[in-house]
Amino acid sequence: AVPDRIRTEEAYRRRGLGLFVMRRL
């Protein structure tokens, strides 16, 4: 699997969403 384009809208950054998306992906 090759994760790509992990993105969080600026207003929601630094809240753990990137980590959540990557783990679920």
PDB file of all heavy atoms in Angstrom:
ATOM      1  N   ALA A   1       0.858  -1.179   0.000  1.00  0.00           N
ATOM      2  CA  ALA A   1       0.000   0.000   0.000  1.00  0.00           C
ATOM      3  C   ALA A   1       0.896   1.232   0.000  1.00  0.00           C
ATOM      4  O   ALA A   1       1.916   1.266   0.698  1.00  0.00           O
ATOM      5  CB  ALA A   1      -0.911   0.022   1.230  1.00  0.00           C
ATOM      6  N   VAL A   2       0.518   2.229  -0.789  1.00  0.00           N
ATOM      7  CA  VAL A   2       1.321   3.452  -0.882  1.00  0.00           C
ATOM      8  C   VAL A   2       0.436   4.655  -0.564  1.00  0.00           C
ATOM      9  O   VAL A   2      -0.294   5.157  -1.428  1.00  0.00           O
ATOM     10  CB  VAL A   2       1.950   3.596  -2.280  1.00  0.00           C
ATOM     11  CG1 VAL A   2       2.762   4.892  -2.371  1.00  0.00           C
ATOM     12  CG2 VAL A   2       2.837   2.393  -2.592  1.00  0.00           C
ATOM     13  N   PRO A   3       0.439   5.113   0.697  1.00  0.00           N
ATOM     14  CA  PRO A   3      -0.368   6.285   1.071  1.00  0.00           C
ATOM     15  C   PRO A   3       0.051   7.518   0.280  1.00  0.00           C
ATOM     16  O   PRO A   3       1.231   7.714  -0.036  1.00  0.00           O
ATOM     17  CB  PRO A   3      -0.062   6.450   2.561  1.00  0.00           C
ATOM     18  CG  PRO A   3       0.374   5.093   3.010  1.00  0.00           C
ATOM     19  CD  PRO A   3       1.125   4.528   1.851  1.00  0.00           C
ATOM     20  N   ASP A   4      -0.936   8.359  -0.009  1.00  0.00           N
ATOM     21  CA  ASP A   4      -0.687   9.504  -0.877  1.00  0.00           C
ATOM     22  C   ASP A   4      -1.697  10.602  -0.545  1.00  0.00           C
ATOM     23  O   ASP A   4      -2.842  10.329  -0.198  1.00  0.00           O
ATOM     24  CB  ASP A   4      -0.846   9.057  -2.345  1.00  0.00           C
ATOM     25  CG  ASP A   4      -0.533  10.148  -3.342  1.00  0.00           C
ATOM     26  OD1 ASP A   4       0.396  10.930  -3.095  1.00  0.00           O
ATOM     27  OD2 ASP A   4      -1.213  10.203  -4.387  1.00  0.00           O
ATOM     28  N   ARG A   5      -1.260  11.835  -0.635  1.00  0.00           N
ATOM     29  CA  ARG A   5      -2.135  12.991  -0.444  1.00  0.00           C
ATOM     30  C   ARG A   5      -2.953  12.919   0.845  1.00  0.00           C
ATOM     31  O   ARG A   5      -4.178  12.973   0.844  1.00  0.00           O
ATOM     32  CB  ARG A   5      -3.036  13.172  -1.662  1.00  0.00           C
ATOM     33  CG  ARG A   5      -2.255  13.645  -2.885  1.00  0.00           C
ATOM     34  CD  ARG A   5      -3.137  13.975  -4.058  1.00  0.00           C
ATOM     35  NE  ARG A   5      -2.359  14.659  -5.093  1.00  0.00           N
ATOM     36  CZ  ARG A   5      -2.816  14.971  -6.305  1.00  0.00           C
ATOM     37  NH1 ARG A   5      -4.066  14.659  -6.620  1.00  0.00           N
ATOM     38  NH2 ARG A   5      -2.059  15.584  -7.184  1.00  0.00           N
ATOM     39  N   ILE A   6      -2.243  12.783   1.940  1.00  0.00           N
ATOM     40  CA  ILE A   6      -2.881  12.858   3.260  1.00  0.00           C
ATOM     41  C   ILE A   6      -3.039  14.344   3.589  1.00  0.00           C
ATOM     42  O   ILE A   6      -2.049  15.051   3.787  1.00  0.00           O
ATOM     43  CB  ILE A   6      -2.022  12.154   4.331  1.00  0.00           C
ATOM     44  CG1 ILE A   6      -1.592  10.756   3.845  1.00  0.00           C
ATOM     45  CG2 ILE A   6      -2.761  12.082   5.646  1.00  0.00           C
ATOM     46  CD1 ILE A   6      -2.740   9.831   3.527  1.00  0.00           C
ATOM     47  N   ARG A   7      -4.283  14.803   3.642  1.00  0.00           N
ATOM     48  CA  ARG A   7      -4.519  16.235   3.748  1.00  0.00           C
ATOM     49  C   ARG A   7      -5.513  16.558   4.854  1.00  0.00           C
ATOM     50  O   ARG A   7      -6.461  15.810   5.070  1.00  0.00           O
ATOM     51  CB  ARG A   7      -5.058  16.777   2.413  1.00  0.00           C
ATOM     52  CG  ARG A   7      -4.046  16.696   1.279  1.00  0.00           C
ATOM     53  CD  ARG A   7      -4.649  17.142  -0.025  1.00  0.00           C
ATOM     54  NE  ARG A   7      -3.639  17.246  -1.077  1.00  0.00           N
ATOM     55  CZ  ARG A   7      -3.912  17.497  -2.344  1.00  0.00           C
ATOM     56  NH1 ARG A   7      -5.172  17.670  -2.729  1.00  0.00           N
ATOM     57  NH2 ARG A   7      -2.946  17.587  -3.237  1.00  0.00           N
ATOM     58  N   THR A   8      -5.273  17.684   5.508  1.00  0.00           N
ATOM     59  CA  THR A   8      -6.202  18.224   6.494  1.00  0.00           C
ATOM     60  C   THR A   8      -6.412  19.698   6.189  1.00  0.00           C
ATOM     61  O   THR A   8      -5.431  20.427   5.969  1.00  0.00           O
ATOM     62  CB  THR A   8      -5.647  18.066   7.924  1.00  0.00           C
ATOM     63  OG1 THR A   8      -5.390  16.688   8.192  1.00  0.00           O
ATOM     64  CG2 THR A   8      -6.636  18.591   8.938  1.00  0.00           C
ATOM     65  N   GLU A   9      -7.656  20.128   6.170  1.00  0.00           N
ATOM     66  CA  GLU A   9      -7.932  21.540   5.953  1.00  0.00           C
ATOM     67  C   GLU A   9      -7.287  22.370   7.063  1.00  0.00           C
ATOM     68  O   GLU A   9      -7.235  21.958   8.222  1.00  0.00           O
ATOM     69  CB  GLU A   9      -9.436  21.790   5.923  1.00  0.00           C
ATOM     70  CG  GLU A   9     -10.135  21.198   4.709  1.00  0.00           C
ATOM     71  CD  GLU A   9      -9.639  21.786   3.410  1.00  0.00           C
ATOM     72  OE1 GLU A   9      -9.512  23.029   3.323  1.00  0.00           O
ATOM     73  OE2 GLU A   9      -9.363  21.006   2.469  1.00  0.00           O
ATOM     74  N   GLU A  10      -6.800  23.543   6.681  1.00  0.00           N
ATOM     75  CA  GLU A  10      -5.983  24.344   7.594  1.00  0.00           C
ATOM     76  C   GLU A  10      -6.677  24.618   8.924  1.00  0.00           C
ATOM     77  O   GLU A  10      -6.049  24.566   9.990  1.00  0.00           O
ATOM     78  CB  GLU A  10      -5.609  25.663   6.915  1.00  0.00           C
ATOM     79  CG  GLU A  10      -4.647  26.509   7.732  1.00  0.00           C
ATOM     80  CD  GLU A  10      -4.127  27.707   6.967  1.00  0.00           C
ATOM     81  OE1 GLU A  10      -4.489  27.863   5.783  1.00  0.00           O
ATOM     82  OE2 GLU A  10      -3.359  28.489   7.564  1.00  0.00           O
ATOM     83  N   ALA A  11      -7.963  24.885   8.898  1.00  0.00           N
ATOM     84  CA  ALA A  11      -8.676  25.236  10.136  1.00  0.00           C
ATOM     85  C   ALA A  11      -8.763  24.066  11.109  1.00  0.00           C
ATOM     86  O   ALA A  11      -9.073  24.265  12.290  1.00  0.00           O
ATOM     87  CB  ALA A  11     -10.082  25.731   9.806  1.00  0.00           C
ATOM     88  N   TYR A  12      -8.461  22.840  10.632  1.00  0.00           N
ATOM     89  CA  TYR A  12      -8.612  21.646  11.469  1.00  0.00           C
ATOM     90  C   TYR A  12      -7.274  20.959  11.754  1.00  0.00           C
ATOM     91  O   TYR A  12      -7.253  19.843  12.267  1.00  0.00           O
ATOM     92  CB  TYR A  12      -9.570  20.661  10.793  1.00  0.00           C
ATOM     93  CG  TYR A  12     -10.981  21.184  10.684  1.00  0.00           C
ATOM     94  CD1 TYR A  12     -11.388  21.888   9.549  1.00  0.00           C
ATOM     95  CD2 TYR A  12     -11.889  21.005  11.714  1.00  0.00           C
ATOM     96  CE1 TYR A  12     -12.671  22.386   9.450  1.00  0.00           C
ATOM     97  CE2 TYR A  12     -13.183  21.502  11.625  1.00  0.00           C
ATOM     98  CZ  TYR A  12     -13.564  22.196  10.488  1.00  0.00           C
ATOM     99  OH  TYR A  12     -14.845  22.687  10.397  1.00  0.00           O
ATOM    100  N   ARG A  13      -6.178  21.611  11.437  1.00  0.00           N
ATOM    101  CA  ARG A  13      -4.880  21.001  11.646  1.00  0.00           C
ATOM    102  C   ARG A  13      -4.484  21.013  13.115  1.00  0.00           C
ATOM    103  O   ARG A  13      -5.034  21.736  13.915  1.00  0.00           O
ATOM    104  CB  ARG A  13      -3.823  21.725  10.799  1.00  0.00           C
ATOM    105  CG  ARG A  13      -4.011  21.468   9.301  1.00  0.00           C
ATOM    106  CD  ARG A  13      -3.051  22.250   8.438  1.00  0.00           C
ATOM    107  NE  ARG A  13      -3.347  22.034   7.030  1.00  0.00           N
ATOM    108  CZ  ARG A  13      -2.821  22.733   6.036  1.00  0.00           C
ATOM    109  NH1 ARG A  13      -1.954  23.710   6.300  1.00  0.00           N
ATOM    110  NH2 ARG A  13      -3.155  22.463   4.784  1.00  0.00           N
ATOM    111  N   ARG A  14      -3.522  20.154  13.426  1.00  0.00           N
ATOM    112  CA  ARG A  14      -2.986  19.999  14.788  1.00  0.00           C
ATOM    113  C   ARG A  14      -4.036  19.493  15.769  1.00  0.00           C
ATOM    114  O   ARG A  14      -4.019  19.845  16.954  1.00  0.00           O
ATOM    115  CB  ARG A  14      -2.353  21.305  15.279  1.00  0.00           C
ATOM    116  CG  ARG A  14      -1.212  21.777  14.389  1.00  0.00           C
ATOM    117  CD  ARG A  14      -0.453  22.928  14.985  1.00  0.00           C
ATOM    118  NE  ARG A  14       0.615  23.375  14.097  1.00  0.00           N
ATOM    119  CZ  ARG A  14       1.814  22.801  14.008  1.00  0.00           C
ATOM    120  NH1 ARG A  14       2.093  21.758  14.757  1.00  0.00           N
ATOM    121  NH2 ARG A  14       2.718  23.268  13.178  1.00  0.00           N
ATOM    122  N   ARG A  15      -4.956  18.680  15.265  1.00  0.00           N
ATOM    123  CA  ARG A  15      -5.959  18.075  16.133  1.00  0.00           C
ATOM    124  C   ARG A  15      -5.942  16.544  16.035  1.00  0.00           C
ATOM    125  O   ARG A  15      -6.843  15.889  16.545  1.00  0.00           O
ATOM    126  CB  ARG A  15      -7.350  18.579  15.775  1.00  0.00           C
ATOM    127  CG  ARG A  15      -7.514  20.084  15.825  1.00  0.00           C
ATOM    128  CD  ARG A  15      -8.976  20.469  15.747  1.00  0.00           C
ATOM    129  NE  ARG A  15      -9.167  21.879  15.466  1.00  0.00           N
ATOM    130  CZ  ARG A  15     -10.346  22.476  15.443  1.00  0.00           C
ATOM    131  NH1 ARG A  15     -11.446  21.781  15.695  1.00  0.00           N
ATOM    132  NH2 ARG A  15     -10.453  23.754  15.157  1.00  0.00           N
ATOM    133  N   GLY A  16      -4.933  15.991  15.346  1.00  0.00           N
ATOM    134  CA  GLY A  16      -4.811  14.544  15.241  1.00  0.00           C
ATOM    135  C   GLY A  16      -5.532  13.930  14.061  1.00  0.00           C
ATOM    136  O   GLY A  16      -5.586  12.699  13.950  1.00  0.00           O
ATOM    137  N   LEU A  17      -6.053  14.755  13.157  1.00  0.00           N
ATOM    138  CA  LEU A  17      -6.789  14.200  12.026  1.00  0.00           C
ATOM    139  C   LEU A  17      -5.872  13.484  11.036  1.00  0.00           C
ATOM    140  O   LEU A  17      -6.250  12.459  10.459  1.00  0.00           O
ATOM    141  CB  LEU A  17      -7.564  15.311  11.306  1.00  0.00           C
ATOM    142  CG  LEU A  17      -8.904  15.692  11.926  1.00  0.00           C
ATOM    143  CD1 LEU A  17      -9.433  16.973  11.293  1.00  0.00           C
ATOM    144  CD2 LEU A  17      -9.913  14.553  11.766  1.00  0.00           C
ATOM    145  N   GLY A  18      -4.671  14.015  10.825  1.00  0.00           N
ATOM    146  CA  GLY A  18      -3.742  13.357   9.913  1.00  0.00           C
ATOM    147  C   GLY A  18      -3.388  11.960  10.385  1.00  0.00           C
ATOM    148  O   GLY A  18      -3.370  11.001   9.604  1.00  0.00           O
ATOM    149  N   LEU A  19      -3.124  11.834  11.689  1.00  0.00           N
ATOM    150  CA  LEU A  19      -2.822  10.530  12.272  1.00  0.00           C
ATOM    151  C   LEU A  19      -4.022   9.601  12.149  1.00  0.00           C
ATOM    152  O   LEU A  19      -3.893   8.418  11.792  1.00  0.00           O
ATOM    153  CB  LEU A  19      -2.431  10.709  13.738  1.00  0.00           C
ATOM    154  CG  LEU A  19      -2.104   9.444  14.524  1.00  0.00           C
ATOM    155  CD1 LEU A  19      -0.919   8.726  13.912  1.00  0.00           C
ATOM    156  CD2 LEU A  19      -1.823   9.789  15.982  1.00  0.00           C
ATOM    157  N   PHE A  20      -5.207  10.111  12.417  1.00  0.00           N
ATOM    158  CA  PHE A  20      -6.417   9.301  12.316  1.00  0.00           C
ATOM    159  C   PHE A  20      -6.618   8.795  10.893  1.00  0.00           C
ATOM    160  O   PHE A  20      -6.879   7.601  10.676  1.00  0.00           O
ATOM    161  CB  PHE A  20      -7.638  10.113  12.745  1.00  0.00           C
ATOM    162  CG  PHE A  20      -8.944   9.408  12.518  1.00  0.00           C
ATOM    163  CD1 PHE A  20      -9.429   8.508  13.446  1.00  0.00           C
ATOM    164  CD2 PHE A  20      -9.679   9.644  11.362  1.00  0.00           C
ATOM    165  CE1 PHE A  20     -10.634   7.841  13.226  1.00  0.00           C
ATOM    166  CE2 PHE A  20     -10.882   8.988  11.131  1.00  0.00           C
ATOM    167  CZ  PHE A  20     -11.359   8.086  12.071  1.00  0.00           C
ATOM    168  N   VAL A  21      -6.522   9.684   9.910  1.00  0.00           N
ATOM    169  CA  VAL A  21      -6.722   9.289   8.511  1.00  0.00           C
ATOM    170  C   VAL A  21      -5.698   8.235   8.099  1.00  0.00           C
ATOM    171  O   VAL A  21      -6.049   7.232   7.463  1.00  0.00           O
ATOM    172  CB  VAL A  21      -6.639  10.520   7.589  1.00  0.00           C
ATOM    173  CG1 VAL A  21      -6.530  10.094   6.127  1.00  0.00           C
ATOM    174  CG2 VAL A  21      -7.859  11.404   7.777  1.00  0.00           C
ATOM    175  N   MET A  22      -4.441   8.435   8.458  1.00  0.00           N
ATOM    176  CA  MET A  22      -3.418   7.475   8.070  1.00  0.00           C
ATOM    177  C   MET A  22      -3.677   6.100   8.693  1.00  0.00           C
ATOM    178  O   MET A  22      -3.575   5.066   8.015  1.00  0.00           O
ATOM    179  CB  MET A  22      -2.033   7.984   8.466  1.00  0.00           C
ATOM    180  CG  MET A  22      -0.908   7.011   8.140  1.00  0.00           C
ATOM    181  SD  MET A  22      -0.746   6.666   6.378  1.00  0.00           S
ATOM    182  CE  MET A  22       0.386   7.955   5.912  1.00  0.00           C
ATOM    183  N   ARG A  23      -4.024   6.061   9.971  1.00  0.00           N
ATOM    184  CA  ARG A  23      -4.272   4.779  10.619  1.00  0.00           C
ATOM    185  C   ARG A  23      -5.477   4.070  10.013  1.00  0.00           C
ATOM    186  O   ARG A  23      -5.444   2.858   9.775  1.00  0.00           O
ATOM    187  CB  ARG A  23      -4.454   4.983  12.123  1.00  0.00           C
ATOM    188  CG  ARG A  23      -3.179   5.432  12.833  1.00  0.00           C
ATOM    189  CD  ARG A  23      -3.415   5.638  14.313  1.00  0.00           C
ATOM    190  NE  ARG A  23      -3.699   4.379  14.995  1.00  0.00           N
ATOM    191  CZ  ARG A  23      -4.113   4.292  16.254  1.00  0.00           C
ATOM    192  NH1 ARG A  23      -4.303   5.393  16.957  1.00  0.00           N
ATOM    193  NH2 ARG A  23      -4.334   3.121  16.809  1.00  0.00           N
ATOM    194  N   ARG A  24      -6.540   4.802   9.749  1.00  0.00           N
ATOM    195  CA  ARG A  24      -7.714   4.178   9.131  1.00  0.00           C
ATOM    196  C   ARG A  24      -7.421   3.734   7.702  1.00  0.00           C
ATOM    197  O   ARG A  24      -7.894   2.689   7.245  1.00  0.00           O
ATOM    198  CB  ARG A  24      -8.889   5.151   9.152  1.00  0.00           C
ATOM    199  CG  ARG A  24      -9.484   5.366  10.533  1.00  0.00           C
ATOM    200  CD  ARG A  24     -10.054   4.068  11.135  1.00  0.00           C
ATOM    201  NE  ARG A  24     -11.133   3.508  10.346  1.00  0.00           N
ATOM    202  CZ  ARG A  24     -12.420   3.681  10.594  1.00  0.00           C
ATOM    203  NH1 ARG A  24     -12.791   4.435  11.619  1.00  0.00           N
ATOM    204  NH2 ARG A  24     -13.334   3.116   9.848  1.00  0.00           N
ATOM    205  N   LEU A  25      -6.625   4.525   6.981  1.00  0.00           N
ATOM    206  CA  LEU A  25      -6.273   4.182   5.604  1.00  0.00           C
ATOM    207  C   LEU A  25      -5.450   2.895   5.552  1.00  0.00           C
ATOM    208  O   LEU A  25      -5.707   1.999   4.731  1.00  0.00           O
ATOM    209  CB  LEU A  25      -5.496   5.338   4.978  1.00  0.00           C
ATOM    210  CG  LEU A  25      -5.161   5.236   3.492  1.00  0.00           C
ATOM    211  CD1 LEU A  25      -6.432   5.226   2.653  1.00  0.00           C
ATOM    212  CD2 LEU A  25      -4.281   6.418   3.081  1.00  0.00           C
TER     213      LEU A  25
END
